[in-house]
Amino acid sequence: MATLTTIRPPAADADWQAWMAYGLALAAASPHHHAARPAPAWAPARATAGRTELAHTLHAYREDRPGPRWQQLARATWPAYQRWFRSEGTAARPSYDDCRTALRHHLPELVPTWERLTQLAMDATGASRDEAGRLLSLWCPTPFVTGCSQVLVPGPDPALIRSYDYDPALFEGVIATTDYSGRRRVLGTSDCLWGLLDGINDAGLAVSLTYGGRPGRGTGSVGPGFGIPLVIRYLLETCADVPAAVAVLRRVPVAQAYNIGLVDTAGRHATVFVAPGEDAEVSTQRIACNHRLDVVEHPHLAARLRSPERHAELTRLLARGTDEAGLSDAFLRPPLRSREYGAGFGSLYAVALRPGAGTVEYRWPGRTWTRRFDDPDEVITVEVPHEPTGPGFGERHACRGRGRHPRPRHDADS
């Protein structure tokens, strides 16, 4: 039987899978072991009993300070992120000095972590300090787009419930628990290596994003600012409540348009629309989909994303007085759940963020997975119904091929 003293870390050149297996072995030897089911990173769609299933794997890890686990994630995904970073030519991205200046001015609390991650990425991948630092800064990044719906449930036991709709080949599939500052634990869904799509902190704040529905490079669509995953990270690292988060969103520039949902354990909530070069628009609306708050600025794009349809469904559910459990269940069926994975717009997960309970509950039809701050590393595989579709709206289509490329595929993939 393996013990904590007999388990050895992988070789220095091991991939992310090997490090996750190592974490699982440590968890199994720990008195706080939670059963986990290791699996390949990605699997193609397969036919089962007359329907097609898409299997994808999620890795959850806990690492207070960036170290070997983060470094192996960087090693496994760096070629893909590097292609994304270079896709418009490196001259299209700001210089290292400009990125450092922007971080120091707008997000100073993150600078020590950024510097450490830059060095770790250099050591793991052989990247130059210039490219690693620029990529990880997420200052004026290559544009990208995601779908999503969310609803806020304020009160003494608040929740933020949302779905994440995206191309499965462009999803990191990583759940990270960190304490980068040494003062605040953060648990959420990773993106862009250290950014977050959604999450909670141990101060009692939950944060999530939805795409704001502005296409292309028109006014208010793309501009000088940070990629939204890093802004979500910053909110959870530095803010204890909704008022503090709103204040940050009023001052930090963003590169694209998004709706940001916020709830805290004091019962406060807000949905904030942010866009390049514009003042943040703060609302007490509890619903956000893929247009600006309740204003459909681009009807054709909104229709392609079925944003008005999803917004209307959530509005109907709230008007009926649907409770938290009912709202969470609604994200497991259409129109809130999308099966258009082939079009780059399938629901990869639904999640209920509960900052008071300190839990993040991921859901799929027939499957629930709950993560807490103290949970050990874990890997699960989820099979979801897959609806093959032709070209449609997705990140890669919206950005005309400028999107992030899939992470390197493992031998088990096809």
Protein backbone atom coordinates (compact mmCIF):
# COMPACT_ATOMS: atom_id res chain seq x y z
CA MET A 1 0.00 0.00 0.00
CA ALA A 2 1.37 3.41 -0.94
CA THR A 3 2.21 5.83 1.84
CA LEU A 4 3.14 9.48 1.87
CA THR A 5 6.80 8.51 2.23
CA THR A 6 6.87 6.02 -0.67
CA ILE A 7 5.16 8.16 -3.30
CA ARG A 8 7.67 9.88 -5.56
CA PRO A 9 6.98 12.86 -7.82
CA PRO A 10 7.14 12.36 -11.60
CA ALA A 11 10.19 13.08 -13.66
CA ALA A 12 10.93 16.70 -14.47
CA ASP A 13 9.70 16.24 -18.04
CA ALA A 14 6.45 14.49 -17.06
CA ASP A 15 3.22 15.83 -18.51
CA TRP A 16 0.22 17.30 -16.69
CA GLN A 17 -1.47 13.89 -16.52
CA ALA A 18 1.49 12.45 -14.62
CA TRP A 19 1.43 15.25 -12.09
CA MET A 20 -2.29 14.86 -11.57
CA ALA A 21 -1.78 11.11 -11.04
CA TYR A 22 0.88 11.99 -8.48
CA GLY A 23 -1.55 14.29 -6.70
CA LEU A 24 -4.17 11.57 -6.68
CA ALA A 25 -1.70 9.12 -5.17
CA LEU A 26 -0.91 11.62 -2.42
CA ALA A 27 -4.61 12.12 -1.83
CA ALA A 28 -5.20 8.37 -1.61
CA ALA A 29 -2.46 8.05 1.00
CA SER A 30 -3.83 10.98 2.98
CA PRO A 31 -6.21 10.53 5.92
CA HIS A 32 -8.45 13.06 4.13
CA HIS A 33 -8.66 10.95 0.96
CA HIS A 34 -11.61 11.56 -1.34
CA ALA A 35 -12.16 8.87 -3.98
CA ALA A 36 -11.18 9.96 -7.47
CA ARG A 37 -11.44 8.38 -10.88
CA PRO A 38 -8.41 8.98 -13.10
CA ALA A 39 -9.07 9.14 -16.82
CA PRO A 40 -7.58 10.30 -20.12
CA ALA A 41 -7.53 14.02 -20.77
CA TRP A 42 -9.96 14.05 -23.69
CA ALA A 43 -11.94 11.46 -25.59
CA PRO A 44 -13.79 11.74 -28.89
CA ALA A 45 -17.53 11.54 -29.20
CA ARG A 46 -18.80 7.96 -29.27
CA ALA A 47 -22.15 6.38 -30.01
CA THR A 48 -23.90 4.67 -27.09
CA ALA A 49 -27.39 3.14 -27.24
CA GLY A 50 -28.39 5.22 -30.23
CA ARG A 51 -26.96 8.53 -29.04
CA THR A 52 -23.58 10.19 -29.16
CA GLU A 53 -21.60 10.84 -25.99
CA LEU A 54 -18.75 13.32 -25.59
CA ALA A 55 -16.33 12.49 -22.79
CA HIS A 56 -14.21 15.18 -21.23
CA THR A 57 -11.98 15.13 -18.18
CA LEU A 58 -11.61 17.70 -15.45
CA HIS A 59 -8.59 17.99 -13.20
CA ALA A 60 -8.87 19.60 -9.77
CA TYR A 61 -5.69 20.54 -7.93
CA ARG A 62 -4.72 22.47 -4.83
CA GLU A 63 -1.49 24.45 -4.74
CA ASP A 64 -1.28 27.50 -2.51
CA ARG A 65 1.77 29.03 -4.16
CA PRO A 66 2.50 28.43 -7.84
CA GLY A 67 4.82 25.44 -8.08
CA PRO A 68 5.17 22.06 -9.79
CA ARG A 69 1.48 21.50 -10.46
CA TRP A 70 1.02 24.86 -12.14
CA GLN A 71 4.30 24.38 -13.96
CA GLN A 72 3.16 21.09 -15.45
CA LEU A 73 -0.10 22.69 -16.56
CA ALA A 74 1.98 25.34 -18.29
CA ARG A 75 4.22 22.72 -19.89
CA ALA A 76 1.25 20.73 -21.21
CA THR A 77 -0.63 23.72 -22.62
CA TRP A 78 2.11 26.17 -23.56
CA PRO A 79 2.36 25.29 -27.27
CA ALA A 80 -1.37 25.93 -27.63
CA TYR A 81 -1.33 29.22 -25.74
CA GLN A 82 1.80 30.25 -27.60
CA ARG A 83 0.04 29.73 -30.95
CA TRP A 84 -2.87 31.80 -29.65
CA PHE A 85 -0.52 34.57 -28.49
CA ARG A 86 1.32 34.64 -31.83
CA SER A 87 -1.72 34.20 -34.07
CA GLU A 88 -1.91 37.89 -35.03
CA GLY A 89 1.86 38.32 -34.95
CA THR A 90 3.78 39.14 -31.78
CA ALA A 91 4.01 42.80 -32.82
CA ALA A 92 0.23 43.01 -32.32
CA ARG A 93 0.67 42.35 -28.60
CA PRO A 94 2.03 44.96 -26.16
CA SER A 95 5.68 44.93 -25.16
CA TYR A 96 6.93 43.34 -21.94
CA ASP A 97 7.50 46.78 -20.42
CA ASP A 98 3.99 47.91 -21.33
CA CYS A 99 2.51 44.76 -19.80
CA ARG A 100 4.49 45.17 -16.60
CA THR A 101 3.51 48.84 -16.37
CA ALA A 102 -0.18 48.00 -16.83
CA LEU A 103 -0.06 45.33 -14.13
CA ARG A 104 1.76 47.60 -11.69
CA HIS A 105 -0.71 50.40 -12.29
CA HIS A 106 -4.01 48.50 -12.35
CA LEU A 107 -3.42 45.15 -10.61
CA PRO A 108 -0.39 45.72 -8.36
CA GLU A 109 -1.30 42.95 -5.92
CA LEU A 110 -0.87 40.38 -8.71
CA VAL A 111 2.61 41.50 -9.79
CA PRO A 112 4.59 39.15 -7.47
CA THR A 113 2.54 36.18 -8.67
CA TRP A 114 2.92 37.23 -12.32
CA GLU A 115 6.69 37.45 -11.88
CA ARG A 116 6.83 34.00 -10.27
CA LEU A 117 4.63 32.45 -12.96
CA THR A 118 6.76 34.01 -15.68
CA GLN A 119 9.87 32.38 -14.24
CA LEU A 120 8.11 29.04 -13.79
CA ALA A 121 6.90 29.15 -17.39
CA MET A 122 10.40 29.97 -18.62
CA ASP A 123 11.87 27.05 -16.68
CA ALA A 124 9.15 24.62 -17.80
CA THR A 125 8.86 25.54 -21.47
CA GLY A 126 12.05 27.30 -22.51
CA ALA A 127 10.06 30.41 -23.37
CA SER A 128 11.80 33.76 -23.18
CA ARG A 129 11.02 36.13 -20.34
CA ASP A 130 9.67 38.57 -22.89
CA GLU A 131 7.11 36.18 -24.39
CA ALA A 132 6.15 34.42 -21.15
CA GLY A 133 5.61 37.68 -19.32
CA ARG A 134 3.59 39.23 -22.13
CA LEU A 135 1.39 36.17 -22.57
CA LEU A 136 0.71 35.73 -18.85
CA SER A 137 -0.03 39.42 -18.28
CA LEU A 138 -3.23 39.11 -20.37
CA TRP A 139 -2.82 42.80 -21.17
CA CYS A 140 -4.52 43.44 -24.54
CA PRO A 141 -4.67 39.71 -25.37
CA THR A 142 -5.69 38.11 -28.63
CA PRO A 143 -9.51 38.39 -28.64
CA PHE A 144 -11.65 35.44 -27.61
CA VAL A 145 -15.36 34.89 -26.99
CA THR A 146 -17.42 32.53 -24.83
CA GLY A 147 -21.11 31.95 -24.28
CA CYS A 148 -22.82 31.49 -20.88
CA SER A 149 -25.93 32.22 -18.81
CA GLN A 150 -26.06 33.10 -15.13
CA VAL A 151 -28.52 33.92 -12.38
CA LEU A 152 -27.84 35.42 -8.95
CA VAL A 153 -29.55 34.08 -5.83
CA PRO A 154 -28.88 36.65 -3.08
CA GLY A 155 -29.74 36.13 0.57
CA PRO A 156 -28.28 34.65 3.76
CA ASP A 157 -27.10 31.57 1.81
CA PRO A 158 -26.30 33.14 -1.56
CA ALA A 159 -25.54 31.33 -4.78
CA LEU A 160 -24.41 32.23 -8.25
CA ILE A 161 -25.61 29.64 -10.76
CA ARG A 162 -24.29 29.56 -14.30
CA SER A 163 -23.49 27.50 -17.37
CA TYR A 164 -20.32 27.70 -19.42
CA ASP A 165 -20.83 27.24 -23.16
CA TYR A 166 -17.72 26.81 -25.28
CA ASP A 167 -15.76 24.56 -27.62
CA PRO A 168 -14.62 21.50 -25.60
CA ALA A 169 -11.29 21.42 -27.45
CA LEU A 170 -10.49 24.91 -26.14
CA PHE A 171 -11.39 24.30 -22.49
CA GLU A 172 -8.58 23.79 -19.97
CA GLY A 173 -10.72 21.53 -17.81
CA VAL A 174 -8.86 22.55 -14.65
CA ILE A 175 -10.29 23.50 -11.25
CA ALA A 176 -7.72 25.34 -9.14
CA THR A 177 -7.59 26.00 -5.40
CA THR A 178 -4.92 28.58 -4.57
CA ASP A 179 -3.69 31.04 -1.97
CA TYR A 180 -1.34 33.10 -4.08
CA SER A 181 -1.23 36.08 -1.71
CA GLY A 182 -1.03 34.00 1.47
CA ARG A 183 -4.06 35.91 2.74
CA ARG A 184 -7.05 34.67 0.71
CA ARG A 185 -7.95 31.26 -0.63
CA VAL A 186 -9.57 31.13 -4.05
CA LEU A 187 -11.38 28.22 -5.71
CA GLY A 188 -12.53 28.37 -9.31
CA THR A 189 -12.46 27.22 -12.93
CA SER A 190 -9.10 27.98 -14.54
CA ASP A 191 -8.56 29.74 -17.85
CA CYS A 192 -5.49 31.29 -19.50
CA LEU A 193 -3.29 29.37 -17.03
CA TRP A 194 -3.95 31.58 -14.00
CA GLY A 195 -7.13 33.45 -14.81
CA LEU A 196 -10.58 32.24 -13.80
CA LEU A 197 -13.95 31.85 -15.48
CA ASP A 198 -15.82 31.77 -12.18
CA GLY A 199 -15.12 31.07 -8.52
CA ILE A 200 -15.39 31.90 -4.84
CA ASN A 201 -13.03 33.10 -2.13
CA ASP A 202 -12.90 32.40 1.58
CA ALA A 203 -14.04 35.95 2.37
CA GLY A 204 -17.53 35.12 1.05
CA LEU A 205 -17.54 36.49 -2.51
CA ALA A 206 -18.63 34.65 -5.69
CA VAL A 207 -17.87 35.95 -9.20
CA SER A 208 -18.75 34.79 -12.70
CA LEU A 209 -18.72 36.13 -16.26
CA THR A 210 -20.84 36.02 -19.39
CA TYR A 211 -19.85 37.32 -22.81
CA GLY A 212 -21.32 40.79 -23.37
CA GLY A 213 -22.48 40.27 -26.95
CA ARG A 214 -20.34 42.74 -28.88
CA PRO A 215 -18.84 41.24 -32.05
CA GLY A 216 -15.65 41.88 -33.95
CA ARG A 217 -13.50 44.94 -33.43
CA GLY A 218 -16.06 47.72 -33.48
CA THR A 219 -16.38 50.49 -30.92
CA GLY A 220 -16.74 49.05 -27.44
CA SER A 221 -15.87 45.53 -28.63
CA VAL A 222 -12.09 45.26 -28.26
CA GLY A 223 -9.72 47.80 -26.77
CA PRO A 224 -6.85 48.40 -24.34
CA GLY A 225 -7.43 46.37 -21.20
CA PHE A 226 -6.99 43.03 -19.47
CA GLY A 227 -8.40 39.70 -20.55
CA ILE A 228 -11.44 39.05 -18.38
CA PRO A 229 -10.14 35.80 -16.79
CA LEU A 230 -7.39 37.77 -15.06
CA VAL A 231 -9.89 40.37 -13.87
CA ILE A 232 -11.97 37.59 -12.30
CA ARG A 233 -8.81 36.30 -10.60
CA TYR A 234 -8.05 39.80 -9.32
CA LEU A 235 -11.54 40.29 -7.90
CA LEU A 236 -11.34 37.06 -5.93
CA GLU A 237 -7.77 37.71 -4.77
CA THR A 238 -8.41 41.24 -3.50
CA CYS A 239 -12.12 41.76 -2.78
CA ALA A 240 -14.14 40.54 0.22
CA ASP A 241 -17.58 41.71 -0.90
CA VAL A 242 -19.70 43.08 -3.72
CA PRO A 243 -19.04 46.82 -3.08
CA ALA A 244 -15.28 46.23 -3.24
CA ALA A 245 -15.64 44.22 -6.45
CA VAL A 246 -17.81 46.90 -8.06
CA ALA A 247 -15.18 49.51 -7.19
CA VAL A 248 -12.52 47.42 -8.94
CA LEU A 249 -14.68 46.97 -12.03
CA ARG A 250 -15.18 50.74 -12.21
CA ARG A 251 -11.42 51.37 -12.45
CA VAL A 252 -9.77 48.35 -14.15
CA PRO A 253 -9.79 48.47 -17.98
CA VAL A 254 -11.01 45.37 -19.82
CA ALA A 255 -10.15 44.21 -23.33
CA GLN A 256 -13.66 43.04 -24.32
CA ALA A 257 -17.28 43.37 -23.24
CA TYR A 258 -18.64 41.15 -20.46
CA ASN A 259 -21.32 40.93 -17.80
CA ILE A 260 -19.86 40.17 -14.38
CA GLY A 261 -22.11 38.58 -11.75
CA LEU A 262 -21.38 39.15 -8.05
CA VAL A 263 -22.91 37.85 -4.80
CA ASP A 264 -21.60 37.91 -1.23
CA THR A 265 -22.51 36.42 2.13
CA ALA A 266 -23.93 39.73 3.34
CA GLY A 267 -26.78 39.26 0.85
CA ARG A 268 -25.58 41.86 -1.65
CA HIS A 269 -25.53 41.26 -5.38
CA ALA A 270 -24.78 43.07 -8.62
CA THR A 271 -24.41 42.47 -12.33
CA VAL A 272 -21.84 44.78 -13.89
CA PHE A 273 -21.45 45.34 -17.63
CA VAL A 274 -17.88 46.25 -18.56
CA ALA A 275 -16.52 47.17 -21.99
CA PRO A 276 -13.35 48.75 -23.40
CA GLY A 277 -13.23 52.50 -23.00
CA GLU A 278 -16.60 52.72 -21.23
CA ASP A 279 -17.68 53.32 -17.66
CA ALA A 280 -18.87 50.19 -15.89
CA GLU A 281 -22.66 49.88 -15.83
CA VAL A 282 -23.81 48.58 -12.43
CA SER A 283 -27.19 46.87 -12.10
CA THR A 284 -29.09 44.85 -9.51
CA GLN A 285 -30.40 42.57 -12.26
CA ARG A 286 -30.10 38.93 -11.32
CA ILE A 287 -29.84 37.57 -14.86
CA ALA A 288 -27.14 37.86 -17.51
CA CYS A 289 -26.73 36.06 -20.82
CA ASN A 290 -24.84 37.13 -23.95
CA HIS A 291 -25.98 40.70 -24.43
CA ARG A 292 -25.51 43.87 -22.40
CA LEU A 293 -27.57 43.37 -19.23
CA ASP A 294 -31.15 43.43 -20.59
CA VAL A 295 -30.30 45.41 -23.76
CA VAL A 296 -29.84 43.48 -27.02
CA GLU A 297 -27.40 45.68 -28.95
CA HIS A 298 -26.67 43.21 -31.76
CA PRO A 299 -29.84 41.19 -32.49
CA HIS A 300 -28.31 38.93 -35.14
CA LEU A 301 -25.44 37.83 -32.91
CA ALA A 302 -27.72 37.49 -29.89
CA ALA A 303 -30.07 35.29 -31.91
CA ARG A 304 -27.21 33.04 -33.04
CA LEU A 305 -26.27 32.60 -29.38
CA ARG A 306 -29.93 32.17 -28.38
CA SER A 307 -29.25 34.82 -25.78
CA PRO A 308 -32.75 36.39 -25.70
CA GLU A 309 -34.30 32.92 -25.46
CA ARG A 310 -32.12 31.99 -22.49
CA HIS A 311 -32.69 35.35 -20.82
CA ALA A 312 -36.46 34.93 -21.22
CA GLU A 313 -36.33 31.46 -19.67
CA LEU A 314 -34.47 32.71 -16.59
CA THR A 315 -36.85 35.66 -16.32
CA ARG A 316 -39.79 33.27 -16.41
CA LEU A 317 -38.26 31.05 -13.73
CA LEU A 318 -37.64 33.99 -11.40
CA ALA A 319 -41.16 35.33 -11.98
CA ARG A 320 -42.53 31.96 -10.89
CA GLY A 321 -40.53 32.12 -7.67
CA THR A 322 -38.32 29.17 -8.59
CA ASP A 323 -35.99 28.30 -5.72
CA GLU A 324 -32.24 27.71 -5.94
CA ALA A 325 -32.58 23.98 -6.52
CA GLY A 326 -35.07 24.53 -9.33
CA LEU A 327 -32.86 27.15 -10.94
CA SER A 328 -29.87 24.83 -10.77
CA ASP A 329 -31.88 22.01 -12.37
CA ALA A 330 -32.97 24.34 -15.18
CA PHE A 331 -29.36 24.66 -16.33
CA LEU A 332 -29.37 20.93 -17.14
CA ARG A 333 -32.00 21.23 -19.88
CA PRO A 334 -32.66 23.43 -22.92
CA PRO A 335 -32.70 26.29 -23.55
CA LEU A 336 -30.13 26.93 -20.81
CA ARG A 337 -28.19 23.81 -21.71
CA SER A 338 -26.71 23.68 -25.21
CA ARG A 339 -25.57 20.51 -26.99
CA GLU A 340 -24.01 22.33 -29.95
CA TYR A 341 -20.48 21.18 -29.21
CA GLY A 342 -19.67 20.80 -32.89
CA ALA A 343 -20.49 24.47 -33.38
CA GLY A 344 -18.20 25.52 -30.52
CA PHE A 345 -21.13 26.40 -28.29
CA GLY A 346 -21.89 23.40 -26.08
CA SER A 347 -22.51 23.55 -22.33
CA LEU A 348 -19.32 22.19 -20.78
CA TYR A 349 -20.65 22.48 -17.25
CA ALA A 350 -23.22 24.12 -15.03
CA VAL A 351 -22.04 25.28 -11.63
CA ALA A 352 -23.53 26.61 -8.41
CA LEU A 353 -21.08 28.86 -6.56
CA ARG A 354 -21.96 29.05 -2.86
CA PRO A 355 -19.58 31.39 -1.03
CA GLY A 356 -21.24 30.93 2.35
CA ALA A 357 -20.87 27.16 2.26
CA GLY A 358 -17.46 27.42 0.60
CA THR A 359 -18.48 25.04 -2.19
CA VAL A 360 -18.39 24.98 -5.95
CA GLU A 361 -20.86 22.40 -7.27
CA TYR A 362 -20.37 21.35 -10.90
CA ARG A 363 -23.31 19.67 -12.58
CA TRP A 364 -24.07 17.66 -15.71
CA PRO A 365 -27.12 15.52 -16.48
CA GLY A 366 -26.87 12.64 -14.03
CA ARG A 367 -23.63 13.85 -12.42
CA THR A 368 -22.66 16.26 -9.63
CA TRP A 369 -19.15 17.08 -8.45
CA THR A 370 -18.57 19.34 -5.45
CA ARG A 371 -15.25 20.98 -4.62
CA ARG A 372 -14.24 22.66 -1.35
CA PHE A 373 -11.17 24.64 -0.35
CA ASP A 374 -9.55 21.73 1.50
CA ASP A 375 -10.32 18.96 -0.98
CA PRO A 376 -7.34 17.02 -2.36
CA ASP A 377 -6.42 16.67 -6.02
CA GLU A 378 -8.97 14.79 -8.06
CA VAL A 379 -9.75 13.83 -11.65
CA ILE A 380 -13.16 12.96 -13.09
CA THR A 381 -14.46 12.10 -16.53
CA VAL A 382 -17.87 13.29 -17.61
CA GLU A 383 -19.87 11.96 -20.55
CA VAL A 384 -22.43 14.33 -21.97
CA PRO A 385 -24.86 13.97 -24.88
CA HIS A 386 -23.22 15.34 -28.02
CA GLU A 387 -25.13 16.82 -30.93
CA PRO A 388 -22.92 16.88 -34.04
CA THR A 389 -23.47 20.14 -35.87
CA GLY A 390 -21.94 21.96 -38.75
CA PRO A 391 -20.14 25.30 -38.54
CA GLY A 392 -21.85 27.71 -36.22
CA PHE A 393 -21.09 30.33 -33.68
CA GLY A 394 -18.13 29.58 -31.46
CA GLU A 395 -14.99 31.26 -30.29
CA ARG A 396 -13.01 30.12 -33.30
CA HIS A 397 -15.71 31.33 -35.72
CA ALA A 398 -16.35 34.65 -34.01
CA CYS A 399 -12.66 35.50 -33.96
CA ARG A 400 -12.03 34.09 -37.46
CA GLY A 401 -9.41 31.57 -36.43
CA ARG A 402 -7.66 33.77 -33.89
CA GLY A 403 -8.84 31.70 -30.93
CA ARG A 404 -6.82 29.60 -28.58
CA HIS A 405 -5.87 26.27 -30.08
CA PRO A 406 -6.56 23.04 -28.21
CA ARG A 407 -4.01 21.91 -25.70
CA PRO A 408 -1.66 19.15 -26.93
CA ARG A 409 -3.56 15.91 -27.33
CA HIS A 410 -2.53 12.81 -25.38
CA ASP A 411 -2.10 9.33 -26.82
CA ALA A 412 -5.60 8.38 -25.69
CA ASP A 413 -7.08 11.11 -27.87
CA SER A 414 -7.99 10.82 -31.51
